[in-house]
Amino acid sequence: MPNHSCYTSYLLRVWRSEGATGCRASLENVATGERVGFASLAALMDFLEAHAPGEAVLAAPGTRPPQVGA
């Protein structure tokens, strides 16, 4: 069971509108139902980095995140 003080689950949705040059995204907090929308993947990453619990390090695309306690 995760430590809830440093654990957050999100439902991630990513889409590209017809004719758009980039993707849009939304996150929904599984526990609260709160939704946040993003006009770009860069904005999504900024949000995740700002809201990551503790000293989490987000992995670059195409890499695996570090394993804690492994």
C-alpha atoms as a PDB file:
ATOM      1  CA  MET A   1       0.000   0.000   0.000  1.00  0.00           C
ATOM      2  CA  PRO A   2       1.521   3.363  -0.987  1.00  0.00           C
ATOM      3  CA  ASN A   3       2.131   6.154   1.507  1.00  0.00           C
ATOM      4  CA  HIS A   4      -0.774   8.461   0.644  1.00  0.00           C
ATOM      5  CA  SER A   5       1.076  11.601   1.733  1.00  0.00           C
ATOM      6  CA  CYS A   6       3.475  11.106  -1.206  1.00  0.00           C
ATOM      7  CA  TYR A   7       1.240   9.352  -3.695  1.00  0.00           C
ATOM      8  CA  THR A   8      -1.128  10.764  -6.293  1.00  0.00           C
ATOM      9  CA  SER A   9      -2.950   8.929  -9.088  1.00  0.00           C
ATOM     10  CA  TYR A  10      -4.093  10.678 -12.236  1.00  0.00           C
ATOM     11  CA  LEU A  11      -6.084   9.582 -15.241  1.00  0.00           C
ATOM     12  CA  LEU A  12      -4.245  11.034 -18.251  1.00  0.00           C
ATOM     13  CA  ARG A  13      -6.001  11.855 -21.526  1.00  0.00           C
ATOM     14  CA  VAL A  14      -4.035  13.010 -24.579  1.00  0.00           C
ATOM     15  CA  TRP A  15      -5.507  13.979 -27.943  1.00  0.00           C
ATOM     16  CA  ARG A  16      -4.822  15.956 -31.090  1.00  0.00           C
ATOM     17  CA  SER A  17      -7.624  17.979 -32.641  1.00  0.00           C
ATOM     18  CA  GLU A  18      -8.048  17.873 -36.399  1.00  0.00           C
ATOM     19  CA  GLY A  19      -5.702  20.371 -38.008  1.00  0.00           C
ATOM     20  CA  ALA A  20      -3.802  21.010 -34.764  1.00  0.00           C
ATOM     21  CA  THR A  21      -0.016  20.968 -34.738  1.00  0.00           C
ATOM     22  CA  GLY A  22       0.355  19.728 -31.172  1.00  0.00           C
ATOM     23  CA  CYS A  23      -1.331  17.568 -28.594  1.00  0.00           C
ATOM     24  CA  ARG A  24      -3.583  18.662 -25.759  1.00  0.00           C
ATOM     25  CA  ALA A  25      -3.964  16.812 -22.488  1.00  0.00           C
ATOM     26  CA  SER A  26      -5.962  16.615 -19.295  1.00  0.00           C
ATOM     27  CA  LEU A  27      -5.302  15.038 -15.922  1.00  0.00           C
ATOM     28  CA  GLU A  28      -8.001  13.895 -13.548  1.00  0.00           C
ATOM     29  CA  ASN A  29      -7.076  13.320  -9.919  1.00  0.00           C
ATOM     30  CA  VAL A  30      -8.452   9.850  -9.174  1.00  0.00           C
ATOM     31  CA  ALA A  31      -9.082  10.611  -5.485  1.00  0.00           C
ATOM     32  CA  THR A  32     -10.773  14.011  -5.859  1.00  0.00           C
ATOM     33  CA  GLY A  33     -12.124  14.063  -9.428  1.00  0.00           C
ATOM     34  CA  GLU A  34     -10.407  17.420 -10.012  1.00  0.00           C
ATOM     35  CA  ARG A  35      -9.492  17.937 -13.699  1.00  0.00           C
ATOM     36  CA  VAL A  36      -6.770  20.134 -15.134  1.00  0.00           C
ATOM     37  CA  GLY A  37      -6.386  20.837 -18.862  1.00  0.00           C
ATOM     38  CA  PHE A  38      -3.199  21.566 -20.797  1.00  0.00           C
ATOM     39  CA  ALA A  39      -2.713  23.214 -24.185  1.00  0.00           C
ATOM     40  CA  SER A  40       0.593  21.386 -24.735  1.00  0.00           C
ATOM     41  CA  LEU A  41       2.596  18.425 -23.513  1.00  0.00           C
ATOM     42  CA  ALA A  42       5.208  20.878 -22.227  1.00  0.00           C
ATOM     43  CA  ALA A  43       2.566  22.467 -19.973  1.00  0.00           C
ATOM     44  CA  LEU A  44       1.570  18.990 -18.761  1.00  0.00           C
ATOM     45  CA  MET A  45       5.188  18.169 -17.870  1.00  0.00           C
ATOM     46  CA  ASP A  46       5.575  21.510 -16.062  1.00  0.00           C
ATOM     47  CA  PHE A  47       2.513  20.666 -13.957  1.00  0.00           C
ATOM     48  CA  LEU A  48       3.744  17.165 -13.157  1.00  0.00           C
ATOM     49  CA  GLU A  49       7.189  18.417 -12.164  1.00  0.00           C
ATOM     50  CA  ALA A  50       5.648  21.087  -9.924  1.00  0.00           C
ATOM     51  CA  HIS A  51       3.252  18.617  -8.273  1.00  0.00           C
ATOM     52  CA  ALA A  52       5.478  15.547  -7.992  1.00  0.00           C
ATOM     53  CA  PRO A  53       5.533  14.297  -4.398  1.00  0.00           C
ATOM     54  CA  GLY A  54       8.785  14.480  -2.498  1.00  0.00           C
ATOM     55  CA  GLU A  55      11.921  14.546  -4.564  1.00  0.00           C
ATOM     56  CA  ALA A  56      10.570  12.515  -7.470  1.00  0.00           C
ATOM     57  CA  VAL A  57      12.509  12.652 -10.707  1.00  0.00           C
ATOM     58  CA  LEU A  58      10.539  12.312 -13.913  1.00  0.00           C
ATOM     59  CA  ALA A  59      12.134  10.207 -16.626  1.00  0.00           C
ATOM     60  CA  ALA A  60      12.818  11.528 -20.107  1.00  0.00           C
ATOM     61  CA  PRO A  61      10.612  10.140 -22.896  1.00  0.00           C
ATOM     62  CA  GLY A  62      11.716   6.672 -23.940  1.00  0.00           C
ATOM     63  CA  THR A  63      13.488   5.923 -20.656  1.00  0.00           C
ATOM     64  CA  ARG A  64      12.400   4.115 -17.522  1.00  0.00           C
ATOM     65  CA  PRO A  65      11.907   6.065 -14.282  1.00  0.00           C
ATOM     66  CA  PRO A  66      14.278   5.249 -11.419  1.00  0.00           C
ATOM     67  CA  GLN A  67      13.151   2.419  -9.144  1.00  0.00           C
ATOM     68  CA  VAL A  68      12.953   3.405  -5.497  1.00  0.00           C
ATOM     69  CA  GLY A  69      14.204   0.719  -3.135  1.00  0.00           C
ATOM     70  CA  ALA A  70      15.146  -1.637  -5.964  1.00  0.00           C
END
